[in-house]
Amino acid sequence: LRNFHDFYLVMPFMQTDLQKIMGMEFSEDKIQYLVYQMLKGLKYIHSAGVVHRDLKPGNLAVNEDCELKILDFGLARHADAEMTGYVVTRWYRAPEVILSWMHYNQTVDIWSVG
């Protein structure tokens, strides 16, 4: 591993993100399926002790089969870490983030889902 200099991230191709398709009409079943996938993904990352902290439509990739992937973990932190009130997207911030509480948990991600 000492000579290991490069790494590659491989993931499935996702055609778009939720931000770009929010104006389209979807059946209630598709909306429920998208929300289900968001919550299932959050359950997985939260079980690892991770708080995403920047969940927003632009960070949710969607493919033609309506499969969803959570992206952009640049602001993610371990749940036990001291947090900051600085999170990029204000419209999806939970109240405890807006009020600059230093200790919050995964519930801020649930708030961002809606």
PDB file of N, CA and C in Angstrom:
ATOM      1  N   LEU A   1       0.806  -1.205   0.000  1.00  0.00           N
ATOM      2  CA  LEU A   1       0.000   0.000   0.000  1.00  0.00           C
ATOM      3  C   LEU A   1       0.850   1.272   0.000  1.00  0.00           C
ATOM      4  N   ARG A   2       2.105   1.159   0.300  1.00  0.00           N
ATOM      5  CA  ARG A   2       2.954   2.353   0.329  1.00  0.00           C
ATOM      6  C   ARG A   2       3.095   2.988  -1.048  1.00  0.00           C
ATOM      7  N   ASN A   3       3.024   2.185  -2.088  1.00  0.00           N
ATOM      8  CA  ASN A   3       3.145   2.700  -3.450  1.00  0.00           C
ATOM      9  C   ASN A   3       1.791   3.031  -4.068  1.00  0.00           C
ATOM     10  N   PHE A   4       0.782   2.995  -3.259  1.00  0.00           N
ATOM     11  CA  PHE A   4      -0.580   3.249  -3.732  1.00  0.00           C
ATOM     12  C   PHE A   4      -0.795   4.758  -3.849  1.00  0.00           C
ATOM     13  N   HIS A   5      -0.972   5.257  -5.072  1.00  0.00           N
ATOM     14  CA  HIS A   5      -1.102   6.697  -5.281  1.00  0.00           C
ATOM     15  C   HIS A   5      -2.448   7.110  -5.858  1.00  0.00           C
ATOM     16  N   ASP A   6      -3.090   6.227  -6.553  1.00  0.00           N
ATOM     17  CA  ASP A   6      -4.344   6.561  -7.226  1.00  0.00           C
ATOM     18  C   ASP A   6      -5.484   5.709  -6.688  1.00  0.00           C
ATOM     19  N   PHE A   7      -6.650   6.267  -6.734  1.00  0.00           N
ATOM     20  CA  PHE A   7      -7.838   5.472  -6.457  1.00  0.00           C
ATOM     21  C   PHE A   7      -8.923   5.906  -7.427  1.00  0.00           C
ATOM     22  N   TYR A   8      -9.874   5.035  -7.629  1.00  0.00           N
ATOM     23  CA  TYR A   8     -10.964   5.291  -8.566  1.00  0.00           C
ATOM     24  C   TYR A   8     -12.285   4.985  -7.884  1.00  0.00           C
ATOM     25  N   LEU A   9     -13.225   5.846  -8.091  1.00  0.00           N
ATOM     26  CA  LEU A   9     -14.567   5.659  -7.567  1.00  0.00           C
ATOM     27  C   LEU A   9     -15.459   5.231  -8.723  1.00  0.00           C
ATOM     28  N   VAL A  10     -16.080   4.078  -8.588  1.00  0.00           N
ATOM     29  CA  VAL A  10     -16.938   3.552  -9.646  1.00  0.00           C
ATOM     30  C   VAL A  10     -18.359   3.478  -9.109  1.00  0.00           C
ATOM     31  N   MET A  11     -19.274   4.051  -9.853  1.00  0.00           N
ATOM     32  CA  MET A  11     -20.679   3.992  -9.456  1.00  0.00           C
ATOM     33  C   MET A  11     -21.546   3.958 -10.703  1.00  0.00           C
ATOM     34  N   PRO A  12     -22.789   3.532 -10.558  1.00  0.00           N
ATOM     35  CA  PRO A  12     -23.670   3.479 -11.729  1.00  0.00           C
ATOM     36  C   PRO A  12     -23.947   4.875 -12.286  1.00  0.00           C
ATOM     37  N   PHE A  13     -24.202   4.933 -13.580  1.00  0.00           N
ATOM     38  CA  PHE A  13     -24.536   6.201 -14.224  1.00  0.00           C
ATOM     39  C   PHE A  13     -25.940   6.629 -13.803  1.00  0.00           C
ATOM     40  N   MET A  14     -26.051   7.850 -13.351  1.00  0.00           N
ATOM     41  CA  MET A  14     -27.341   8.408 -12.964  1.00  0.00           C
ATOM     42  C   MET A  14     -27.626   9.579 -13.906  1.00  0.00           C
ATOM     43  N   GLN A  15     -28.765   9.555 -14.565  1.00  0.00           N
ATOM     44  CA  GLN A  15     -29.056  10.519 -15.618  1.00  0.00           C
ATOM     45  C   GLN A  15     -29.223  11.955 -15.129  1.00  0.00           C
ATOM     46  N   THR A  16     -29.749  12.135 -13.942  1.00  0.00           N
ATOM     47  CA  THR A  16     -30.097  13.488 -13.503  1.00  0.00           C
ATOM     48  C   THR A  16     -30.095  13.553 -11.983  1.00  0.00           C
ATOM     49  N   ASP A  17     -30.518  14.677 -11.456  1.00  0.00           N
ATOM     50  CA  ASP A  17     -30.712  14.782 -10.013  1.00  0.00           C
ATOM     51  C   ASP A  17     -32.128  15.272  -9.739  1.00  0.00           C
ATOM     52  N   LEU A  18     -32.538  15.152  -8.508  1.00  0.00           N
ATOM     53  CA  LEU A  18     -33.913  15.489  -8.135  1.00  0.00           C
ATOM     54  C   LEU A  18     -34.228  16.956  -8.396  1.00  0.00           C
ATOM     55  N   GLN A  19     -33.255  17.824  -8.238  1.00  0.00           N
ATOM     56  CA  GLN A  19     -33.458  19.262  -8.487  1.00  0.00           C
ATOM     57  C   GLN A  19     -33.964  19.511  -9.907  1.00  0.00           C
ATOM     58  N   LYS A  20     -33.377  18.816 -10.868  1.00  0.00           N
ATOM     59  CA  LYS A  20     -33.706  19.043 -12.274  1.00  0.00           C
ATOM     60  C   LYS A  20     -35.060  18.481 -12.678  1.00  0.00           C
ATOM     61  N   ILE A  21     -35.582  17.537 -11.924  1.00  0.00           N
ATOM     62  CA  ILE A  21     -36.859  16.920 -12.313  1.00  0.00           C
ATOM     63  C   ILE A  21     -38.009  17.263 -11.375  1.00  0.00           C
ATOM     64  N   MET A  22     -37.777  18.157 -10.436  1.00  0.00           N
ATOM     65  CA  MET A  22     -38.824  18.483  -9.458  1.00  0.00           C
ATOM     66  C   MET A  22     -40.059  19.102 -10.092  1.00  0.00           C
ATOM     67  N   GLY A  23     -39.936  19.771 -11.209  1.00  0.00           N
ATOM     68  CA  GLY A  23     -41.085  20.386 -11.855  1.00  0.00           C
ATOM     69  C   GLY A  23     -41.930  19.418 -12.663  1.00  0.00           C
ATOM     70  N   MET A  24     -41.440  18.207 -12.848  1.00  0.00           N
ATOM     71  CA  MET A  24     -42.180  17.215 -13.628  1.00  0.00           C
ATOM     72  C   MET A  24     -43.297  16.603 -12.790  1.00  0.00           C
ATOM     73  N   GLU A  25     -44.287  16.071 -13.478  1.00  0.00           N
ATOM     74  CA  GLU A  25     -45.367  15.385 -12.762  1.00  0.00           C
ATOM     75  C   GLU A  25     -44.990  13.940 -12.531  1.00  0.00           C
ATOM     76  N   PHE A  26     -45.190  13.485 -11.305  1.00  0.00           N
ATOM     77  CA  PHE A  26     -44.923  12.101 -10.935  1.00  0.00           C
ATOM     78  C   PHE A  26     -46.158  11.518 -10.283  1.00  0.00           C
ATOM     79  N   SER A  27     -46.344  10.233 -10.467  1.00  0.00           N
ATOM     80  CA  SER A  27     -47.437   9.554  -9.775  1.00  0.00           C
ATOM     81  C   SER A  27     -47.107   9.522  -8.285  1.00  0.00           C
ATOM     82  N   GLU A  28     -48.128   9.361  -7.489  1.00  0.00           N
ATOM     83  CA  GLU A  28     -47.916   9.283  -6.046  1.00  0.00           C
ATOM     84  C   GLU A  28     -47.024   8.096  -5.702  1.00  0.00           C
ATOM     85  N   ASP A  29     -47.165   6.998  -6.443  1.00  0.00           N
ATOM     86  CA  ASP A  29     -46.319   5.821  -6.211  1.00  0.00           C
ATOM     87  C   ASP A  29     -44.840   6.144  -6.422  1.00  0.00           C
ATOM     88  N   LYS A  30     -44.519   6.901  -7.475  1.00  0.00           N
ATOM     89  CA  LYS A  30     -43.114   7.251  -7.737  1.00  0.00           C
ATOM     90  C   LYS A  30     -42.575   8.189  -6.666  1.00  0.00           C
ATOM     91  N   ILE A  31     -43.401   9.119  -6.233  1.00  0.00           N
ATOM     92  CA  ILE A  31     -42.976  10.034  -5.165  1.00  0.00           C
ATOM     93  C   ILE A  31     -42.695   9.244  -3.891  1.00  0.00           C
ATOM     94  N   GLN A  32     -43.598   8.327  -3.556  1.00  0.00           N
ATOM     95  CA  GLN A  32     -43.395   7.501  -2.366  1.00  0.00           C
ATOM     96  C   GLN A  32     -42.131   6.657  -2.493  1.00  0.00           C
ATOM     97  N   TYR A  33     -41.876   6.149  -3.695  1.00  0.00           N
ATOM     98  CA  TYR A  33     -40.683   5.337  -3.928  1.00  0.00           C
ATOM     99  C   TYR A  33     -39.408   6.169  -3.756  1.00  0.00           C
ATOM    100  N   LEU A  34     -39.414   7.399  -4.247  1.00  0.00           N
ATOM    101  CA  LEU A  34     -38.253   8.275  -4.075  1.00  0.00           C
ATOM    102  C   LEU A  34     -38.009   8.594  -2.598  1.00  0.00           C
ATOM    103  N   VAL A  35     -39.074   8.928  -1.880  1.00  0.00           N
ATOM    104  CA  VAL A  35     -38.933   9.239  -0.449  1.00  0.00           C
ATOM    105  C   VAL A  35     -38.472   8.001   0.313  1.00  0.00           C
ATOM    106  N   TYR A  36     -39.032   6.847  -0.035  1.00  0.00           N
ATOM    107  CA  TYR A  36     -38.615   5.590   0.596  1.00  0.00           C
ATOM    108  C   TYR A  36     -37.111   5.368   0.416  1.00  0.00           C
ATOM    109  N   GLN A  37     -36.617   5.588  -0.797  1.00  0.00           N
ATOM    110  CA  GLN A  37     -35.189   5.389  -1.060  1.00  0.00           C
ATOM    111  C   GLN A  37     -34.326   6.390  -0.292  1.00  0.00           C
ATOM    112  N   MET A  38     -34.799   7.635  -0.176  1.00  0.00           N
ATOM    113  CA  MET A  38     -34.062   8.625   0.615  1.00  0.00           C
ATOM    114  C   MET A  38     -33.938   8.155   2.058  1.00  0.00           C
ATOM    115  N   LEU A  39     -35.064   7.729   2.618  1.00  0.00           N
ATOM    116  CA  LEU A  39     -35.068   7.300   4.017  1.00  0.00           C
ATOM    117  C   LEU A  39     -34.260   6.025   4.220  1.00  0.00           C
ATOM    118  N   LYS A  40     -34.335   5.113   3.268  1.00  0.00           N
ATOM    119  CA  LYS A  40     -33.551   3.878   3.353  1.00  0.00           C
ATOM    120  C   LYS A  40     -32.052   4.194   3.290  1.00  0.00           C
ATOM    121  N   GLY A  41     -31.665   5.107   2.398  1.00  0.00           N
ATOM    122  CA  GLY A  41     -30.264   5.518   2.310  1.00  0.00           C
ATOM    123  C   GLY A  41     -29.793   6.197   3.582  1.00  0.00           C
ATOM    124  N   LEU A  42     -30.643   7.057   4.140  1.00  0.00           N
ATOM    125  CA  LEU A  42     -30.286   7.724   5.395  1.00  0.00           C
ATOM    126  C   LEU A  42     -30.169   6.728   6.537  1.00  0.00           C
ATOM    127  N   LYS A  43     -31.058   5.748   6.561  1.00  0.00           N
ATOM    128  CA  LYS A  43     -30.972   4.720   7.603  1.00  0.00           C
ATOM    129  C   LYS A  43     -29.612   4.032   7.543  1.00  0.00           C
ATOM    130  N   TYR A  44     -29.152   3.760   6.337  1.00  0.00           N
ATOM    131  CA  TYR A  44     -27.862   3.090   6.161  1.00  0.00           C
ATOM    132  C   TYR A  44     -26.704   3.973   6.636  1.00  0.00           C
ATOM    133  N   ILE A  45     -26.661   5.226   6.175  1.00  0.00           N
ATOM    134  CA  ILE A  45     -25.527   6.065   6.582  1.00  0.00           C
ATOM    135  C   ILE A  45     -25.608   6.432   8.066  1.00  0.00           C
ATOM    136  N   HIS A  46     -26.817   6.583   8.587  1.00  0.00           N
ATOM    137  CA  HIS A  46     -26.966   6.879  10.007  1.00  0.00           C
ATOM    138  C   HIS A  46     -26.538   5.688  10.862  1.00  0.00           C
ATOM    139  N   SER A  47     -26.780   4.467  10.378  1.00  0.00           N
ATOM    140  CA  SER A  47     -26.358   3.280  11.138  1.00  0.00           C
ATOM    141  C   SER A  47     -24.833   3.215  11.245  1.00  0.00           C
ATOM    142  N   ALA A  48     -24.139   3.885  10.332  1.00  0.00           N
ATOM    143  CA  ALA A  48     -22.677   3.965  10.383  1.00  0.00           C
ATOM    144  C   ALA A  48     -22.213   5.164  11.210  1.00  0.00           C
ATOM    145  N   GLY A  49     -23.159   5.888  11.799  1.00  0.00           N
ATOM    146  CA  GLY A  49     -22.810   7.033  12.633  1.00  0.00           C
ATOM    147  C   GLY A  49     -22.486   8.292  11.857  1.00  0.00           C
ATOM    148  N   VAL A  50     -22.967   8.388  10.618  1.00  0.00           N
ATOM    149  CA  VAL A  50     -22.661   9.531   9.759  1.00  0.00           C
ATOM    150  C   VAL A  50     -23.870  10.457   9.655  1.00  0.00           C
ATOM    151  N   VAL A  51     -23.627  11.754   9.727  1.00  0.00           N
ATOM    152  CA  VAL A  51     -24.651  12.772   9.486  1.00  0.00           C
ATOM    153  C   VAL A  51     -24.282  13.447   8.164  1.00  0.00           C
ATOM    154  N   HIS A  52     -25.181  13.437   7.189  1.00  0.00           N
ATOM    155  CA  HIS A  52     -24.886  13.991   5.863  1.00  0.00           C
ATOM    156  C   HIS A  52     -24.741  15.512   5.926  1.00  0.00           C
ATOM    157  N   ARG A  53     -25.697  16.195   6.512  1.00  0.00           N
ATOM    158  CA  ARG A  53     -25.711  17.641   6.762  1.00  0.00           C
ATOM    159  C   ARG A  53     -25.936  18.522   5.547  1.00  0.00           C
ATOM    160  N   ASP A  54     -26.052  17.965   4.358  1.00  0.00           N
ATOM    161  CA  ASP A  54     -26.323  18.805   3.184  1.00  0.00           C
ATOM    162  C   ASP A  54     -27.251  18.083   2.212  1.00  0.00           C
ATOM    163  N   LEU A  55     -28.263  17.463   2.764  1.00  0.00           N
ATOM    164  CA  LEU A  55     -29.217  16.744   1.930  1.00  0.00           C
ATOM    165  C   LEU A  55     -30.141  17.753   1.255  1.00  0.00           C
ATOM    166  N   LYS A  56     -30.149  17.725  -0.070  1.00  0.00           N
ATOM    167  CA  LYS A  56     -30.970  18.637  -0.862  1.00  0.00           C
ATOM    168  C   LYS A  56     -31.208  17.985  -2.216  1.00  0.00           C
ATOM    169  N   PRO A  57     -32.182  18.464  -2.979  1.00  0.00           N
ATOM    170  CA  PRO A  57     -32.496  17.833  -4.269  1.00  0.00           C
ATOM    171  C   PRO A  57     -31.297  17.708  -5.209  1.00  0.00           C
ATOM    172  N   GLY A  58     -30.401  18.673  -5.220  1.00  0.00           N
ATOM    173  CA  GLY A  58     -29.233  18.602  -6.090  1.00  0.00           C
ATOM    174  C   GLY A  58     -28.230  17.532  -5.693  1.00  0.00           C
ATOM    175  N   ASN A  59     -28.353  17.014  -4.470  1.00  0.00           N
ATOM    176  CA  ASN A  59     -27.465  15.954  -3.991  1.00  0.00           C
ATOM    177  C   ASN A  59     -28.133  14.586  -4.015  1.00  0.00           C
ATOM    178  N   LEU A  60     -29.227  14.479  -4.738  1.00  0.00           N
ATOM    179  CA  LEU A  60     -29.947  13.213  -4.873  1.00  0.00           C
ATOM    180  C   LEU A  60     -30.018  12.855  -6.351  1.00  0.00           C
ATOM    181  N   ALA A  61     -29.182  11.928  -6.774  1.00  0.00           N
ATOM    182  CA  ALA A  61     -29.139  11.519  -8.182  1.00  0.00           C
ATOM    183  C   ALA A  61     -30.249  10.511  -8.455  1.00  0.00           C
ATOM    184  N   VAL A  62     -30.831  10.606  -9.649  1.00  0.00           N
ATOM    185  CA  VAL A  62     -31.938   9.725 -10.034  1.00  0.00           C
ATOM    186  C   VAL A  62     -31.658   9.197 -11.440  1.00  0.00           C
ATOM    187  N   ASN A  63     -31.932   7.900 -11.641  1.00  0.00           N
ATOM    188  CA  ASN A  63     -31.767   7.353 -12.989  1.00  0.00           C
ATOM    189  C   ASN A  63     -33.132   7.131 -13.639  1.00  0.00           C
ATOM    190  N   GLU A  64     -33.123   6.583 -14.847  1.00  0.00           N
ATOM    191  CA  GLU A  64     -34.367   6.420 -15.612  1.00  0.00           C
ATOM    192  C   GLU A  64     -35.323   5.406 -14.992  1.00  0.00           C
ATOM    193  N   ASP A  65     -34.821   4.556 -14.092  1.00  0.00           N
ATOM    194  CA  ASP A  65     -35.684   3.592 -13.402  1.00  0.00           C
ATOM    195  C   ASP A  65     -36.186   4.136 -12.076  1.00  0.00           C
ATOM    196  N   CYS A  66     -35.973   5.423 -11.844  1.00  0.00           N
ATOM    197  CA  CYS A  66     -36.403   6.105 -10.623  1.00  0.00           C
ATOM    198  C   CYS A  66     -35.633   5.604  -9.396  1.00  0.00           C
ATOM    199  N   GLU A  67     -34.416   5.107  -9.628  1.00  0.00           N
ATOM    200  CA  GLU A  67     -33.558   4.710  -8.520  1.00  0.00           C
ATOM    201  C   GLU A  67     -32.786   5.939  -8.064  1.00  0.00           C
ATOM    202  N   LEU A  68     -32.638   6.077  -6.769  1.00  0.00           N
ATOM    203  CA  LEU A  68     -32.062   7.279  -6.183  1.00  0.00           C
ATOM    204  C   LEU A  68     -30.777   6.948  -5.432  1.00  0.00           C
ATOM    205  N   LYS A  69     -29.797   7.830  -5.529  1.00  0.00           N
ATOM    206  CA  LYS A  69     -28.537   7.703  -4.791  1.00  0.00           C
ATOM    207  C   LYS A  69     -28.243   9.030  -4.098  1.00  0.00           C
ATOM    208  N   ILE A  70     -27.800   8.952  -2.855  1.00  0.00           N
ATOM    209  CA  ILE A  70     -27.406  10.144  -2.106  1.00  0.00           C
ATOM    210  C   ILE A  70     -25.952  10.469  -2.453  1.00  0.00           C
ATOM    211  N   LEU A  71     -25.703  11.733  -2.818  1.00  0.00           N
ATOM    212  CA  LEU A  71     -24.373  12.182  -3.235  1.00  0.00           C
ATOM    213  C   LEU A  71     -23.823  13.254  -2.298  1.00  0.00           C
ATOM    214  N   ASP A  72     -22.594  13.645  -2.541  1.00  0.00           N
ATOM    215  CA  ASP A  72     -21.928  14.795  -1.928  1.00  0.00           C
ATOM    216  C   ASP A  72     -21.851  14.695  -0.406  1.00  0.00           C
ATOM    217  N   PHE A  73     -20.885  13.935   0.042  1.00  0.00           N
ATOM    218  CA  PHE A  73     -20.665  13.772   1.471  1.00  0.00           C
ATOM    219  C   PHE A  73     -19.576  14.722   1.981  1.00  0.00           C
ATOM    220  N   GLY A  74     -19.361  15.811   1.251  1.00  0.00           N
ATOM    221  CA  GLY A  74     -18.311  16.758   1.608  1.00  0.00           C
ATOM    222  C   GLY A  74     -18.500  17.428   2.959  1.00  0.00           C
ATOM    223  N   LEU A  75     -19.732  17.602   3.394  1.00  0.00           N
ATOM    224  CA  LEU A  75     -20.003  18.218   4.698  1.00  0.00           C
ATOM    225  C   LEU A  75     -20.375  17.191   5.759  1.00  0.00           C
ATOM    226  N   ALA A  76     -20.353  15.915   5.403  1.00  0.00           N
ATOM    227  CA  ALA A  76     -20.741  14.858   6.341  1.00  0.00           C
ATOM    228  C   ALA A  76     -19.769  14.815   7.518  1.00  0.00           C
ATOM    229  N   ARG A  77     -20.293  14.456   8.662  1.00  0.00           N
ATOM    230  CA  ARG A  77     -19.488  14.322   9.877  1.00  0.00           C
ATOM    231  C   ARG A  77     -19.937  13.077  10.620  1.00  0.00           C
ATOM    232  N   HIS A  78     -19.045  12.590  11.474  1.00  0.00           N
ATOM    233  CA  HIS A  78     -19.432  11.504  12.369  1.00  0.00           C
ATOM    234  C   HIS A  78     -20.363  12.097  13.420  1.00  0.00           C
ATOM    235  N   ALA A  79     -21.361  11.348  13.797  1.00  0.00           N
ATOM    236  CA  ALA A  79     -22.395  11.862  14.706  1.00  0.00           C
ATOM    237  C   ALA A  79     -21.834  12.299  16.056  1.00  0.00           C
ATOM    238  N   ASP A  80     -20.727  11.746  16.482  1.00  0.00           N
ATOM    239  CA  ASP A  80     -20.157  12.109  17.784  1.00  0.00           C
ATOM    240  C   ASP A  80     -19.277  13.354  17.731  1.00  0.00           C
ATOM    241  N   ALA A  81     -19.000  13.842  16.542  1.00  0.00           N
ATOM    242  CA  ALA A  81     -18.118  15.005  16.395  1.00  0.00           C
ATOM    243  C   ALA A  81     -18.849  16.294  16.762  1.00  0.00           C
ATOM    244  N   GLU A  82     -18.075  17.304  17.138  1.00  0.00           N
ATOM    245  CA  GLU A  82     -18.673  18.615  17.370  1.00  0.00           C
ATOM    246  C   GLU A  82     -19.042  19.206  16.013  1.00  0.00           C
ATOM    247  N   MET A  83     -20.232  19.745  15.923  1.00  0.00           N
ATOM    248  CA  MET A  83     -20.736  20.240  14.649  1.00  0.00           C
ATOM    249  C   MET A  83     -20.602  21.754  14.572  1.00  0.00           C
ATOM    250  N   THR A  84     -20.797  22.264  13.377  1.00  0.00           N
ATOM    251  CA  THR A  84     -20.845  23.706  13.168  1.00  0.00           C
ATOM    252  C   THR A  84     -22.208  24.052  12.596  1.00  0.00           C
ATOM    253  N   GLY A  85     -22.576  25.300  12.694  1.00  0.00           N
ATOM    254  CA  GLY A  85     -23.826  25.754  12.109  1.00  0.00           C
ATOM    255  C   GLY A  85     -23.718  25.972  10.621  1.00  0.00           C
ATOM    256  N   TYR A  86     -22.497  25.894  10.093  1.00  0.00           N
ATOM    257  CA  TYR A  86     -22.300  26.151   8.674  1.00  0.00           C
ATOM    258  C   TYR A  86     -22.629  24.914   7.856  1.00  0.00           C
ATOM    259  N   VAL A  87     -23.702  24.995   7.135  1.00  0.00           N
ATOM    260  CA  VAL A  87     -24.081  23.980   6.158  1.00  0.00           C
ATOM    261  C   VAL A  87     -24.496  24.775   4.936  1.00  0.00           C
ATOM    262  N   VAL A  88     -24.106  24.352   3.769  1.00  0.00           N
ATOM    263  CA  VAL A  88     -24.218  25.170   2.568  1.00  0.00           C
ATOM    264  C   VAL A  88     -25.634  25.628   2.248  1.00  0.00           C
ATOM    265  N   THR A  89     -26.608  24.752   2.244  1.00  0.00           N
ATOM    266  CA  THR A  89     -27.918  25.080   1.697  1.00  0.00           C
ATOM    267  C   THR A  89     -28.912  25.448   2.792  1.00  0.00           C
ATOM    268  N   ARG A  90     -29.201  26.719   2.915  1.00  0.00           N
ATOM    269  CA  ARG A  90     -30.025  27.179   4.034  1.00  0.00           C
ATOM    270  C   ARG A  90     -31.463  26.689   3.979  1.00  0.00           C
ATOM    271  N   TRP A  91     -32.024  26.474   2.788  1.00  0.00           N
ATOM    272  CA  TRP A  91     -33.447  26.125   2.681  1.00  0.00           C
ATOM    273  C   TRP A  91     -33.763  24.744   3.230  1.00  0.00           C
ATOM    274  N   TYR A  92     -32.751  23.928   3.430  1.00  0.00           N
ATOM    275  CA  TYR A  92     -32.979  22.566   3.916  1.00  0.00           C
ATOM    276  C   TYR A  92     -32.384  22.347   5.303  1.00  0.00           C
ATOM    277  N   ARG A  93     -32.000  23.426   5.972  1.00  0.00           N
ATOM    278  CA  ARG A  93     -31.399  23.322   7.301  1.00  0.00           C
ATOM    279  C   ARG A  93     -32.463  23.098   8.370  1.00  0.00           C
ATOM    280  N   ALA A  94     -32.140  22.235   9.302  1.00  0.00           N
ATOM    281  CA  ALA A  94     -32.997  22.020  10.468  1.00  0.00           C
ATOM    282  C   ALA A  94     -32.828  23.193  11.434  1.00  0.00           C
ATOM    283  N   PRO A  95     -33.828  23.441  12.291  1.00  0.00           N
ATOM    284  CA  PRO A  95     -33.732  24.565  13.235  1.00  0.00           C
ATOM    285  C   PRO A  95     -32.472  24.529  14.101  1.00  0.00           C
ATOM    286  N   GLU A  96     -32.067  23.347  14.546  1.00  0.00           N
ATOM    287  CA  GLU A  96     -30.883  23.280  15.409  1.00  0.00           C
ATOM    288  C   GLU A  96     -29.602  23.668  14.671  1.00  0.00           C
ATOM    289  N   VAL A  97     -29.588  23.511  13.359  1.00  0.00           N
ATOM    290  CA  VAL A  97     -28.427  23.949  12.575  1.00  0.00           C
ATOM    291  C   VAL A  97     -28.476  25.465  12.402  1.00  0.00           C
ATOM    292  N   ILE A  98     -29.656  25.993  12.100  1.00  0.00           N
ATOM    293  CA  ILE A  98     -29.821  27.442  11.934  1.00  0.00           C
ATOM    294  C   ILE A  98     -29.429  28.182  13.211  1.00  0.00           C
ATOM    295  N   LEU A  99     -29.789  27.605  14.352  1.00  0.00           N
ATOM    296  CA  LEU A  99     -29.488  28.239  15.633  1.00  0.00           C
ATOM    297  C   LEU A  99     -28.052  27.988  16.083  1.00  0.00           C
ATOM    298  N   SER A 100     -27.262  27.362  15.216  1.00  0.00           N
ATOM    299  CA  SER A 100     -25.832  27.124  15.461  1.00  0.00           C
ATOM    300  C   SER A 100     -25.561  26.298  16.707  1.00  0.00           C
ATOM    301  N   TRP A 101     -26.423  25.331  16.975  1.00  0.00           N
ATOM    302  CA  TRP A 101     -26.127  24.416  18.062  1.00  0.00           C
ATOM    303  C   TRP A 101     -24.904  23.611  17.672  1.00  0.00           C
ATOM    304  N   MET A 102     -24.045  23.358  18.618  1.00  0.00           N
ATOM    305  CA  MET A 102     -22.803  22.644  18.324  1.00  0.00           C
ATOM    306  C   MET A 102     -22.982  21.131  18.384  1.00  0.00           C
ATOM    307  N   HIS A 103     -24.057  20.684  18.983  1.00  0.00           N
ATOM    308  CA  HIS A 103     -24.286  19.243  19.086  1.00  0.00           C
ATOM    309  C   HIS A 103     -25.669  18.925  18.535  1.00  0.00           C
ATOM    310  N   TYR A 104     -25.683  18.276  17.408  1.00  0.00           N
ATOM    311  CA  TYR A 104     -26.927  17.774  16.844  1.00  0.00           C
ATOM    312  C   TYR A 104     -26.630  16.428  16.224  1.00  0.00           C
ATOM    313  N   ASN A 105     -27.660  15.756  15.774  1.00  0.00           N
ATOM    314  CA  ASN A 105     -27.452  14.393  15.299  1.00  0.00           C
ATOM    315  C   ASN A 105     -28.132  14.169  13.950  1.00  0.00           C
ATOM    316  N   GLN A 106     -28.383  12.918  13.644  1.00  0.00           N
ATOM    317  CA  GLN A 106     -28.917  12.533  12.344  1.00  0.00           C
ATOM    318  C   GLN A 106     -30.307  13.092  12.058  1.00  0.00           C
ATOM    319  N   THR A 107     -30.991  13.572  13.056  1.00  0.00           N
ATOM    320  CA  THR A 107     -32.338  14.104  12.819  1.00  0.00           C
ATOM    321  C   THR A 107     -32.320  15.307  11.878  1.00  0.00           C
ATOM    322  N   VAL A 108     -31.179  15.984  11.758  1.00  0.00           N
ATOM    323  CA  VAL A 108     -31.107  17.116  10.825  1.00  0.00           C
ATOM    324  C   VAL A 108     -31.273  16.646   9.384  1.00  0.00           C
ATOM    325  N   ASP A 109     -30.840  15.419   9.095  1.00  0.00           N
ATOM    326  CA  ASP A 109     -31.025  14.867   7.751  1.00  0.00           C
ATOM    327  C   ASP A 109     -32.490  14.528   7.488  1.00  0.00           C
ATOM    328  N   ILE A 110     -33.172  14.039   8.505  1.00  0.00           N
ATOM    329  CA  ILE A 110     -34.596  13.716   8.354  1.00  0.00           C
ATOM    330  C   ILE A 110     -35.377  14.997   8.082  1.00  0.00           C
ATOM    331  N   TRP A 111     -35.031  16.077   8.772  1.00  0.00           N
ATOM    332  CA  TRP A 111     -35.665  17.375   8.529  1.00  0.00           C
ATOM    333  C   TRP A 111     -35.515  17.767   7.063  1.00  0.00           C
ATOM    334  N   SER A 112     -34.347  17.556   6.508  1.00  0.00           N
ATOM    335  CA  SER A 112     -34.081  17.940   5.120  1.00  0.00           C
ATOM    336  C   SER A 112     -34.920  17.159   4.117  1.00  0.00           C
ATOM    337  N   VAL A 113     -35.309  15.945   4.469  1.00  0.00           N
ATOM    338  CA  VAL A 113     -36.177  15.153   3.584  1.00  0.00           C
ATOM    339  C   VAL A 113     -37.546  15.813   3.488  1.00  0.00           C
ATOM    340  N   GLY A 114     -38.001  16.396   4.586  1.00  0.00           N
ATOM    341  CA  GLY A 114     -39.282  17.083   4.559  1.00  0.00           C
ATOM    342  C   GLY A 114     -40.199  16.486   5.537  1.00  0.00           C
TER     343      GLY A 114
END
